[in-house]
Protein backbone atom coordinates (compact mmCIF):
# COMPACT_ATOMS: atom_id res chain seq x y z
CA MET A 1 -230.90 -55.84 -129.02
CA GLN A 2 -227.66 -54.12 -128.06
CA GLU A 3 -227.43 -50.40 -128.82
CA PHE A 4 -224.19 -48.71 -129.83
CA SER A 5 -223.54 -45.00 -129.39
CA VAL A 6 -220.82 -43.08 -131.21
CA SER A 7 -218.71 -42.91 -128.05
CA HIS A 8 -219.11 -46.66 -127.58
CA LEU A 9 -218.00 -47.26 -131.16
CA VAL A 10 -214.95 -44.97 -130.78
CA PHE A 11 -213.72 -46.28 -127.43
CA GLY A 12 -214.53 -49.85 -128.33
CA SER A 13 -212.66 -49.79 -131.62
CA GLY A 14 -209.18 -50.29 -130.27
CA ALA A 15 -206.20 -48.15 -129.39
CA PHE A 16 -205.22 -47.39 -132.99
CA SER A 17 -208.63 -45.96 -133.93
CA ILE A 18 -208.71 -43.96 -130.70
CA VAL A 19 -205.35 -42.41 -131.58
CA ILE A 20 -206.62 -41.53 -135.08
CA VAL A 21 -209.78 -39.93 -133.71
CA GLY A 22 -207.70 -38.07 -131.12
CA LEU A 23 -205.42 -36.66 -133.81
CA LEU A 24 -208.41 -35.62 -135.90
CA ALA A 25 -210.07 -33.99 -132.89
CA ALA A 26 -206.90 -32.00 -132.13
CA THR A 27 -206.62 -30.98 -135.79
CA SER A 28 -210.25 -29.88 -135.80
CA PHE A 29 -209.77 -27.84 -132.64
CA VAL A 30 -206.73 -26.02 -134.06
CA SER A 31 -208.42 -25.54 -137.46
CA TRP A 32 -211.47 -23.88 -135.95
CA GLY A 33 -209.20 -21.70 -133.82
CA VAL A 34 -207.36 -20.59 -136.96
CA ILE A 35 -210.61 -20.00 -138.85
CA LEU A 36 -212.15 -17.85 -136.12
CA ARG A 37 -208.93 -15.92 -135.58
CA LYS A 38 -208.55 -15.12 -139.28
CA ILE A 39 -212.20 -14.09 -139.61
CA LEU A 40 -211.91 -11.64 -136.71
CA LEU A 41 -208.56 -10.31 -137.96
CA GLN A 42 -209.86 -9.82 -141.49
CA ARG A 43 -212.90 -7.90 -140.25
CA LYS A 44 -210.69 -5.67 -138.12
CA THR A 45 -208.30 -5.11 -141.02
CA ALA A 46 -211.15 -4.31 -143.43
CA ARG A 47 -212.49 -1.64 -141.07
CA ALA A 48 -209.03 -0.10 -140.66
CA ASN A 49 -208.47 -0.09 -144.44
CA ALA A 50 -211.87 1.54 -145.03
CA ARG A 51 -211.10 4.36 -142.57
CA PHE A 52 -207.64 4.93 -144.03
CA LEU A 53 -208.94 4.91 -147.61
CA ALA A 54 -211.61 7.47 -146.73
CA GLN A 55 -208.91 9.79 -145.37
CA PHE A 56 -206.63 9.11 -148.33
CA ARG A 57 -209.28 10.27 -150.77
CA LYS A 58 -209.35 13.66 -149.06
CA ILE A 59 -205.69 14.49 -149.70
CA SER A 60 -204.19 15.74 -152.95
CA HIS A 61 -200.42 15.62 -152.33
CA PHE A 62 -198.12 12.69 -151.66
CA ALA A 63 -196.43 14.40 -148.71
CA GLU A 64 -199.77 14.53 -146.89
CA LEU A 65 -199.54 10.76 -146.42
CA GLN A 66 -197.21 11.53 -143.51
CA ASN A 67 -200.14 12.80 -141.46
CA LEU A 68 -202.26 9.76 -142.26
CA CYS A 69 -199.50 7.39 -141.15
CA LYS A 70 -199.14 8.89 -137.67
CA ASP A 71 -202.14 7.06 -136.26
CA GLU A 72 -201.07 3.49 -135.44
CA LYS A 73 -203.75 2.39 -132.97
CA GLU A 74 -204.49 -0.74 -134.99
CA PRO A 75 -202.78 -2.62 -137.84
CA CYS A 76 -203.70 -1.30 -141.27
CA PRO A 77 -202.18 -2.72 -144.48
CA LEU A 78 -202.81 0.48 -146.45
CA ARG A 79 -200.92 2.44 -143.81
CA ALA A 80 -198.05 -0.03 -143.99
CA ILE A 81 -197.87 0.33 -147.77
CA SER A 82 -197.97 4.12 -147.49
CA LYS A 83 -195.19 4.12 -144.91
CA GLY A 84 -193.04 1.95 -147.13
CA MET A 85 -193.48 4.36 -150.03
CA LEU A 86 -192.75 7.36 -147.80
CA VAL A 87 -189.56 5.76 -146.49
CA GLU A 88 -188.38 5.17 -150.05
CA ALA A 89 -189.31 8.72 -151.05
CA SER A 90 -187.31 10.11 -148.13
CA LYS A 91 -184.17 8.45 -149.54
CA LEU A 92 -184.45 10.31 -152.86
CA SER A 93 -182.43 13.43 -153.50
CA GLY A 94 -184.12 16.80 -153.68
CA ARG A 95 -183.13 17.31 -157.31
CA VAL A 96 -186.01 16.56 -159.66
CA SER A 97 -185.84 16.83 -163.44
CA TYR A 98 -187.43 15.39 -166.54
CA ASP A 99 -184.43 13.06 -166.84
CA ASN A 100 -184.76 11.38 -163.44
CA ILE A 101 -188.47 11.69 -162.67
CA HIS A 102 -189.18 8.32 -164.29
CA HIS A 103 -186.47 6.54 -162.31
CA ARG A 104 -187.66 8.13 -159.05
CA ALA A 105 -191.19 6.88 -159.73
CA GLU A 106 -189.86 3.39 -160.45
CA LEU A 107 -188.18 3.26 -157.03
CA ILE A 108 -191.43 4.22 -155.32
CA GLU A 109 -193.35 1.66 -157.37
CA GLU A 110 -190.91 -1.12 -156.42
CA SER A 111 -191.26 -0.16 -152.78
CA ALA A 112 -195.05 -0.39 -153.04
CA GLN A 113 -194.80 -3.80 -154.70
CA ARG A 114 -192.56 -5.10 -151.91
CA CYS A 115 -195.04 -3.88 -149.30
CA VAL A 116 -197.92 -5.54 -151.15
CA GLU A 117 -196.04 -8.85 -151.28
CA THR A 118 -195.24 -8.57 -147.58
CA GLN A 119 -198.90 -8.00 -146.81
CA ARG A 120 -199.87 -10.97 -148.96
CA VAL A 121 -197.62 -13.18 -146.83
CA VAL A 122 -199.31 -11.80 -143.70
CA ASP A 123 -202.78 -12.44 -145.14
CA ALA A 124 -201.85 -16.00 -146.11
CA LYS A 125 -200.57 -16.87 -142.63
CA TYR A 126 -201.91 -20.22 -141.36
CA ASN A 127 -203.49 -21.00 -144.75
CA GLY A 128 -200.90 -23.74 -145.10
CA PHE A 129 -202.14 -25.45 -141.95
CA LEU A 130 -205.73 -25.40 -143.22
CA SER A 131 -204.56 -26.87 -146.53
CA VAL A 132 -202.69 -29.68 -144.78
CA ALA A 133 -205.67 -30.37 -142.51
CA ALA A 134 -208.05 -30.49 -145.48
CA ASN A 135 -205.81 -32.86 -147.46
CA LEU A 136 -204.57 -35.21 -144.74
CA SER A 137 -207.66 -35.60 -142.54
CA PRO A 138 -209.61 -37.82 -144.98
CA PHE A 139 -206.57 -40.06 -145.38
CA LEU A 140 -206.15 -40.36 -141.62
CA GLY A 141 -209.82 -41.28 -141.36
CA LEU A 142 -209.43 -43.80 -144.18
CA LEU A 143 -206.41 -45.29 -142.44
CA GLY A 144 -208.48 -45.81 -139.30
CA THR A 145 -211.27 -47.36 -141.35
CA VAL A 146 -208.96 -49.80 -143.12
CA TRP A 147 -207.44 -50.77 -139.79
CA GLY A 148 -210.90 -51.30 -138.29
CA ILE A 149 -212.01 -53.48 -141.18
CA MET A 150 -208.85 -55.55 -140.84
CA ASP A 151 -209.65 -55.96 -137.15
CA SER A 152 -213.20 -57.04 -138.03
CA LEU A 153 -211.90 -59.63 -140.49
CA TRP A 154 -209.57 -60.91 -137.80
CA SER A 155 -212.57 -61.22 -135.46
CA ILE A 156 -214.43 -63.22 -138.10
CA GLY A 157 -211.54 -65.62 -138.35
CA LYS A 158 -211.22 -65.82 -134.58
CA HIS A 159 -214.90 -66.58 -133.94
CA GLY A 160 -215.32 -68.64 -137.09
CA SER A 161 -218.50 -66.73 -137.89
CA ALA A 162 -219.49 -63.99 -140.33
CA GLU A 163 -222.75 -63.17 -138.61
CA LEU A 164 -223.81 -59.53 -138.55
CA VAL A 165 -223.66 -59.35 -134.77
CA VAL A 166 -219.94 -60.16 -134.95
CA VAL A 167 -218.99 -58.01 -137.94
CA ALA A 168 -221.23 -54.95 -137.59
CA PRO A 169 -219.67 -53.38 -134.43
CA GLY A 170 -216.17 -53.51 -135.90
CA ILE A 171 -217.21 -52.05 -139.25
CA GLY A 172 -219.28 -49.36 -137.53
CA ALA A 173 -216.32 -48.40 -135.38
CA ALA A 174 -214.09 -48.35 -138.46
CA LEU A 175 -216.41 -45.96 -140.32
CA VAL A 176 -216.37 -43.51 -137.40
CA THR A 177 -212.80 -42.50 -138.26
CA THR A 178 -213.80 -41.80 -141.86
CA ILE A 179 -216.66 -39.60 -140.69
CA ALA A 180 -214.30 -37.82 -138.29
CA GLY A 181 -211.81 -37.21 -141.09
CA LEU A 182 -214.50 -35.71 -143.32
CA LEU A 183 -215.81 -33.51 -140.51
CA VAL A 184 -212.32 -32.06 -140.13
CA ALA A 185 -211.55 -31.79 -143.84
CA ILE A 186 -214.76 -30.14 -145.08
CA PRO A 187 -214.62 -26.93 -142.98
CA ALA A 188 -210.83 -26.73 -143.34
CA SER A 189 -211.06 -27.02 -147.12
CA GLY A 190 -213.87 -24.48 -147.35
CA ALA A 191 -212.04 -22.02 -145.11
CA PHE A 192 -208.78 -22.44 -147.03
CA ASN A 193 -210.45 -21.65 -150.36
CA LEU A 194 -212.33 -18.70 -148.87
CA PHE A 195 -209.22 -17.20 -147.29
CA SER A 196 -207.17 -17.80 -150.44
CA MET A 197 -209.81 -15.97 -152.49
CA ARG A 198 -209.76 -13.07 -150.04
CA THR A 199 -205.96 -12.96 -150.11
CA ASN A 200 -205.99 -12.68 -153.92
CA ARG A 201 -208.70 -10.04 -153.79
CA ASN A 202 -206.81 -8.05 -151.16
CA GLU A 203 -203.65 -8.17 -153.25
CA VAL A 204 -205.49 -6.52 -156.14
CA PHE A 205 -206.93 -3.94 -153.74
CA TYR A 206 -203.50 -3.13 -152.28
CA THR A 207 -201.93 -2.94 -155.72
CA ASN A 208 -204.60 -0.48 -156.88
CA PHE A 209 -204.04 1.64 -153.79
CA GLY A 210 -200.31 1.69 -154.44
CA SER A 211 -201.00 2.73 -158.01
CA HIS A 212 -203.13 5.68 -156.85
CA ALA A 213 -200.47 6.75 -154.35
CA LEU A 214 -197.79 6.46 -157.05
CA ALA A 215 -199.87 8.60 -159.41
CA MET A 216 -200.09 11.22 -156.68
CA PHE A 217 -196.29 11.11 -156.29
CA LYS A 218 -195.79 11.51 -160.04
CA ARG A 219 -198.14 14.48 -160.20
CA ASP A 220 -196.25 16.22 -157.38
CA GLU A 221 -192.91 15.48 -159.03
CA LEU A 222 -194.12 16.76 -162.38
CA ALA A 223 -195.55 19.88 -160.78
CA ALA A 224 -192.19 20.52 -159.07
CA VAL A 225 -190.31 20.17 -162.37
CA GLU A 226 -192.71 22.44 -164.21
CA SER A 227 -192.56 25.01 -161.42
CA ALA A 228 -188.76 25.00 -161.46
CA GLN A 229 -188.77 25.30 -165.25
CA ALA A 230 -191.22 28.19 -165.12
CA LYS A 231 -189.04 30.02 -162.59
CA GLY A 232 -185.96 29.47 -164.78
CA THR A 233 -187.76 30.83 -167.83
CA ALA A 234 -189.00 33.87 -165.90
CA GLU A 235 -185.49 34.68 -164.74
């Protein structure tokens, strides 16, 4: 009885199926590279955010963020958001009053929102590739399977026989492409959903951080207005 290995089925299934399996193998290789890269980057980013947040909780004034933003040894989204808010704050005039304090805070809030959206784009990088890989790989595998079955039917007509020994190798080779497509799609789909969930969770985390930094800015602005008012009353 003749034995058939997976490699024998793949390389004996014809040029079209070999091309399909080759495309799926390349897609799988790139997908796993993306998955591993994003996992390592997210761990590194999480550690940087944790260190920055621990330092942020020790300060009580918005201006003290300047000192926290000096250390740029590694990428840190919270530092990037803080720097964006500080840049916007530096563009404001030195005159603070009850009339303009709300508008000044709005400008800082809009800056924080822009930084959060920018970071969301960074976090979602390569997610599109994983989505495409997860959606297209099964169809590529199915295409190879349909082609293989057509080839098997052609062999039946050529040999004038529907015996299992004639049909089975072709159908087995055809199903290999479906298996290959699923092996590519399953991890890509799982990774895409996991990374998308983390991106949404990070967006909430960054938004909350921006809200805390904005509250700190408002408190400092309000304290400055009250101090100036107290001096004016004393004089």
